[in-house]
Amino acid sequence: MKSGFGYVRCREVLKYRAEEYNKSCEDVSAQEKFKAICEYARACGIIGFEEYMYLTANIEFGEQVDPRRYEA
């Protein structure tokens, strides 16, 4: 598992944003914001391809995600 402040902080932000997204997952603006965070996390190697695909599929269908998956 990766360690370091940057990795842990990014996981915390991803978890927080997942919780915020779940509050209004059908809102297009919330979907776009959360998708941008997911793309950044994927580009930085914080989440893998499978996790990224899970998130984008849920965002696309307006479904909630499990924020516990991103606890650091």
N, C-alpha and C. Protein backbone atom coordinates (compact mmCIF):
# COMPACT_ATOMS: atom_id res chain seq x y z
N MET A 1 0.83 -1.18 0.00
CA MET A 1 0.00 0.00 0.00
C MET A 1 0.87 1.24 0.00
N LYS A 2 0.42 2.24 -0.69
CA LYS A 2 1.17 3.48 -0.75
C LYS A 2 1.04 4.23 0.57
N SER A 3 2.04 5.03 0.88
CA SER A 3 1.97 5.83 2.08
C SER A 3 2.44 7.24 1.76
N GLY A 4 2.34 8.10 2.72
CA GLY A 4 2.74 9.48 2.53
C GLY A 4 1.56 10.41 2.69
N PHE A 5 1.87 11.63 3.05
CA PHE A 5 0.82 12.60 3.32
C PHE A 5 -0.05 12.88 2.10
N GLY A 6 0.55 13.02 0.92
CA GLY A 6 -0.21 13.34 -0.29
C GLY A 6 -1.21 12.26 -0.63
N TYR A 7 -0.80 11.00 -0.50
CA TYR A 7 -1.69 9.89 -0.80
C TYR A 7 -2.86 9.86 0.18
N VAL A 8 -2.53 9.98 1.46
CA VAL A 8 -3.56 9.93 2.50
C VAL A 8 -4.52 11.11 2.34
N ARG A 9 -3.99 12.27 2.09
CA ARG A 9 -4.83 13.47 1.93
C ARG A 9 -5.76 13.33 0.72
N CYS A 10 -5.27 12.80 -0.37
CA CYS A 10 -6.09 12.61 -1.55
C CYS A 10 -7.21 11.60 -1.28
N ARG A 11 -6.91 10.54 -0.53
CA ARG A 11 -7.95 9.55 -0.16
C ARG A 11 -9.01 10.21 0.71
N GLU A 12 -8.58 11.09 1.63
CA GLU A 12 -9.53 11.79 2.49
C GLU A 12 -10.44 12.69 1.67
N VAL A 13 -9.86 13.40 0.72
CA VAL A 13 -10.65 14.29 -0.14
C VAL A 13 -11.62 13.46 -0.98
N LEU A 14 -11.16 12.35 -1.51
CA LEU A 14 -12.02 11.48 -2.32
C LEU A 14 -13.18 10.97 -1.48
N LYS A 15 -12.91 10.57 -0.24
CA LYS A 15 -13.98 10.10 0.65
C LYS A 15 -14.97 11.22 0.94
N TYR A 16 -14.47 12.40 1.25
CA TYR A 16 -15.34 13.54 1.53
C TYR A 16 -16.20 13.88 0.31
N ARG A 17 -15.60 13.91 -0.85
CA ARG A 17 -16.34 14.23 -2.07
C ARG A 17 -17.37 13.15 -2.41
N ALA A 18 -17.05 11.90 -2.10
CA ALA A 18 -18.02 10.82 -2.31
C ALA A 18 -19.23 11.02 -1.41
N GLU A 19 -18.99 11.41 -0.16
CA GLU A 19 -20.09 11.68 0.76
C GLU A 19 -20.93 12.86 0.27
N GLU A 20 -20.27 13.91 -0.20
CA GLU A 20 -20.99 15.07 -0.73
C GLU A 20 -21.77 14.72 -1.99
N TYR A 21 -21.17 13.92 -2.84
CA TYR A 21 -21.84 13.49 -4.07
C TYR A 21 -23.10 12.70 -3.74
N ASN A 22 -23.02 11.82 -2.74
CA ASN A 22 -24.17 10.99 -2.37
C ASN A 22 -25.36 11.81 -1.91
N LYS A 23 -25.12 12.99 -1.37
CA LYS A 23 -26.22 13.85 -0.91
C LYS A 23 -27.06 14.37 -2.07
N SER A 24 -26.44 14.51 -3.22
CA SER A 24 -27.18 15.04 -4.39
C SER A 24 -26.69 14.37 -5.67
N CYS A 25 -26.70 13.04 -5.69
CA CYS A 25 -26.10 12.29 -6.79
C CYS A 25 -26.83 12.44 -8.12
N GLU A 26 -28.06 12.93 -8.10
CA GLU A 26 -28.78 13.12 -9.35
C GLU A 26 -28.59 14.51 -9.94
N ASP A 27 -27.90 15.37 -9.21
CA ASP A 27 -27.61 16.73 -9.68
C ASP A 27 -26.44 16.69 -10.66
N VAL A 28 -26.65 17.26 -11.83
CA VAL A 28 -25.63 17.21 -12.89
C VAL A 28 -24.34 17.91 -12.44
N SER A 29 -24.47 19.01 -11.74
CA SER A 29 -23.30 19.74 -11.25
C SER A 29 -22.48 18.88 -10.27
N ALA A 30 -23.16 18.19 -9.37
CA ALA A 30 -22.49 17.31 -8.41
C ALA A 30 -21.80 16.16 -9.14
N GLN A 31 -22.44 15.65 -10.17
CA GLN A 31 -21.85 14.57 -10.95
C GLN A 31 -20.57 15.02 -11.63
N GLU A 32 -20.60 16.20 -12.23
CA GLU A 32 -19.42 16.72 -12.93
C GLU A 32 -18.26 16.97 -11.97
N LYS A 33 -18.56 17.54 -10.81
CA LYS A 33 -17.51 17.81 -9.82
C LYS A 33 -16.88 16.52 -9.32
N PHE A 34 -17.72 15.53 -8.99
CA PHE A 34 -17.18 14.27 -8.48
C PHE A 34 -16.42 13.52 -9.55
N LYS A 35 -16.89 13.59 -10.78
CA LYS A 35 -16.18 12.91 -11.87
C LYS A 35 -14.80 13.52 -12.08
N ALA A 36 -14.69 14.85 -11.94
CA ALA A 36 -13.39 15.52 -12.06
C ALA A 36 -12.43 15.06 -10.96
N ILE A 37 -12.94 14.91 -9.75
CA ILE A 37 -12.12 14.41 -8.64
C ILE A 37 -11.65 12.98 -8.92
N CYS A 38 -12.56 12.17 -9.45
CA CYS A 38 -12.21 10.77 -9.77
C CYS A 38 -11.15 10.71 -10.86
N GLU A 39 -11.26 11.55 -11.86
CA GLU A 39 -10.27 11.59 -12.93
C GLU A 39 -8.90 11.98 -12.39
N TYR A 40 -8.88 12.96 -11.49
CA TYR A 40 -7.62 13.39 -10.87
C TYR A 40 -7.02 12.25 -10.04
N ALA A 41 -7.85 11.59 -9.24
CA ALA A 41 -7.37 10.49 -8.41
C ALA A 41 -6.83 9.35 -9.28
N ARG A 42 -7.47 9.09 -10.39
CA ARG A 42 -7.00 8.05 -11.31
C ARG A 42 -5.67 8.45 -11.94
N ALA A 43 -5.57 9.70 -12.37
CA ALA A 43 -4.34 10.17 -13.00
C ALA A 43 -3.15 10.13 -12.02
N CYS A 44 -3.42 10.35 -10.76
CA CYS A 44 -2.36 10.35 -9.73
C CYS A 44 -2.05 8.95 -9.21
N GLY A 45 -2.81 7.97 -9.63
CA GLY A 45 -2.57 6.60 -9.17
C GLY A 45 -3.18 6.30 -7.81
N ILE A 46 -4.07 7.14 -7.35
CA ILE A 46 -4.72 6.93 -6.05
C ILE A 46 -5.74 5.80 -6.14
N ILE A 47 -6.44 5.72 -7.25
CA ILE A 47 -7.37 4.63 -7.49
C ILE A 47 -6.98 3.93 -8.79
N GLY A 48 -7.30 2.67 -8.86
CA GLY A 48 -6.98 1.88 -10.04
C GLY A 48 -8.05 2.01 -11.11
N PHE A 49 -7.80 1.38 -12.25
CA PHE A 49 -8.71 1.45 -13.38
C PHE A 49 -10.08 0.88 -13.04
N GLU A 50 -10.12 -0.27 -12.36
CA GLU A 50 -11.40 -0.90 -12.02
C GLU A 50 -12.23 0.01 -11.12
N GLU A 51 -11.57 0.61 -10.14
CA GLU A 51 -12.25 1.52 -9.22
C GLU A 51 -12.77 2.75 -9.97
N TYR A 52 -11.97 3.25 -10.87
CA TYR A 52 -12.37 4.40 -11.69
C TYR A 52 -13.60 4.05 -12.53
N MET A 53 -13.62 2.88 -13.12
CA MET A 53 -14.75 2.47 -13.94
C MET A 53 -16.01 2.30 -13.08
N TYR A 54 -15.85 1.76 -11.87
CA TYR A 54 -16.98 1.63 -10.94
C TYR A 54 -17.56 3.01 -10.64
N LEU A 55 -16.69 3.96 -10.33
CA LEU A 55 -17.15 5.30 -9.99
C LEU A 55 -17.83 5.99 -11.16
N THR A 56 -17.21 5.94 -12.33
CA THR A 56 -17.80 6.63 -13.48
C THR A 56 -19.13 6.00 -13.88
N ALA A 57 -19.27 4.69 -13.75
CA ALA A 57 -20.55 4.05 -14.06
C ALA A 57 -21.62 4.51 -13.09
N ASN A 58 -21.30 4.57 -11.81
CA ASN A 58 -22.27 5.03 -10.83
C ASN A 58 -22.64 6.49 -11.05
N ILE A 59 -21.65 7.30 -11.39
CA ILE A 59 -21.92 8.72 -11.66
C ILE A 59 -22.83 8.84 -12.87
N GLU A 60 -22.53 8.10 -13.90
CA GLU A 60 -23.30 8.16 -15.14
C GLU A 60 -24.76 7.81 -14.92
N PHE A 61 -25.02 6.85 -14.02
CA PHE A 61 -26.39 6.42 -13.75
C PHE A 61 -27.01 7.14 -12.57
N GLY A 62 -26.28 8.09 -11.96
CA GLY A 62 -26.81 8.84 -10.83
C GLY A 62 -26.98 8.02 -9.58
N GLU A 63 -26.15 6.99 -9.42
CA GLU A 63 -26.24 6.12 -8.26
C GLU A 63 -25.22 6.53 -7.20
N GLN A 64 -25.52 6.20 -5.96
CA GLN A 64 -24.60 6.51 -4.87
C GLN A 64 -23.40 5.58 -4.90
N VAL A 65 -22.31 6.05 -4.27
CA VAL A 65 -21.10 5.25 -4.13
C VAL A 65 -20.82 5.03 -2.65
N ASP A 66 -19.98 4.07 -2.35
CA ASP A 66 -19.65 3.75 -0.96
C ASP A 66 -18.39 4.53 -0.54
N PRO A 67 -18.54 5.60 0.25
CA PRO A 67 -17.38 6.40 0.63
C PRO A 67 -16.41 5.66 1.56
N ARG A 68 -16.86 4.58 2.21
CA ARG A 68 -15.97 3.83 3.11
C ARG A 68 -14.81 3.17 2.35
N ARG A 69 -14.98 3.01 1.05
CA ARG A 69 -13.92 2.40 0.24
C ARG A 69 -12.68 3.28 0.15
N TYR A 70 -12.82 4.55 0.51
CA TYR A 70 -11.72 5.50 0.33
C TYR A 70 -11.12 5.98 1.64
N GLU A 71 -11.38 5.25 2.72
CA GLU A 71 -10.77 5.60 3.98
C GLU A 71 -9.28 5.34 3.88
N ALA A 72 -8.51 6.28 4.37
CA ALA A 72 -7.05 6.18 4.27
C ALA A 72 -6.48 5.22 5.29
